[in-house]
């Protein structure tokens, strides 16, 4: 069955093709990354500090994995390329990983002169012949550059490349690799119906804050509607004032120490009148919402890889309710070549 259901239109067909191969390409990417991932892990053990640079979906993936690096004792910070360009951090004592699926965005071109001479700078890209791929020792995702708008396959592959580095640092990758092989997914029909009346959506998570950011970006790109990503604590500190029937909320919850906090926030968004969806791998029975989409219990990258295909399909489903040409950008391009 096609990942996106009934496919019509050039944009959706392109997304469908990317999603159909994302798991196989991610597994191949993980396997091919072993040697360079080990070198990066050695550098991380020595320096104990990582700066993860990216923009757009690449930055969202870096936000997903900074949690995992920190858990292994690495002081990891995901920073947007644009922020590094205009309010730069000193990179001299860090391992720097520049992530760009195309390797050609404007910000990549701008930052490379600052990092290319740095002894522990590396790249992550889907295109080995890109400017990034040629300029830095780079982990290369399988299958070539992603063609569809917005990011789907590139997110999964970049997660797999990071997983290879994390595995070299000592993280057990078995659960995440099992998810890639099993390819769990849920029907999003009821979730899209729940959120259909909403004029805007907030995606939220604690450990899964990066996943929330990625799905919010996809929703804005595909559905052309306001969609925000708020880490759970940030959601509590003021933005709860916008709750109501026009604002949908989507909470991502893994098997994580903050389960009770995610559950409490979901309870409060329900009581505030906002249609509330929880996508859950916590295994907890303490979570209540208007709709809960449950996947097998998982944590960390395994949880993200489990939820991601369903979250991608939710963004596509929301878009299908709002626009007739899903996946055809009006104001942007797949590779952004201007700042």
Foldseek 3Di string as FASTA:
>chain_A
DFLQPDDDFPQRVLVSVLQVCLLVLQVVLLVVLQPVLLVLLVLCVVLLEEEEEEDALSLLLLLLCCLLSVVLRRNYDRDYLVCCLPVNDDCQSHQYEYEDAQLAFQSSVVCLVVPLVRPRYEYEYQACPHPRNVRHNYRHTPDHHRDFPDDASSSSNVNSSVVSNSVSSPDDCVLQSVCSVVVDADDCVVVLVLLQQAQEEEEEEASSLSLSSNLQSLLCQFQVGHYYGDYLVRCPPPVLVPAADNYAYEYEEALDPCNVSSQVVQVSSVVSHHQYEYEYQNPDPSHDGPYYHYDHHDDRSSSSSNCRSHSNSSSNSNNVSHDDRGRDGDPADRHHHDD
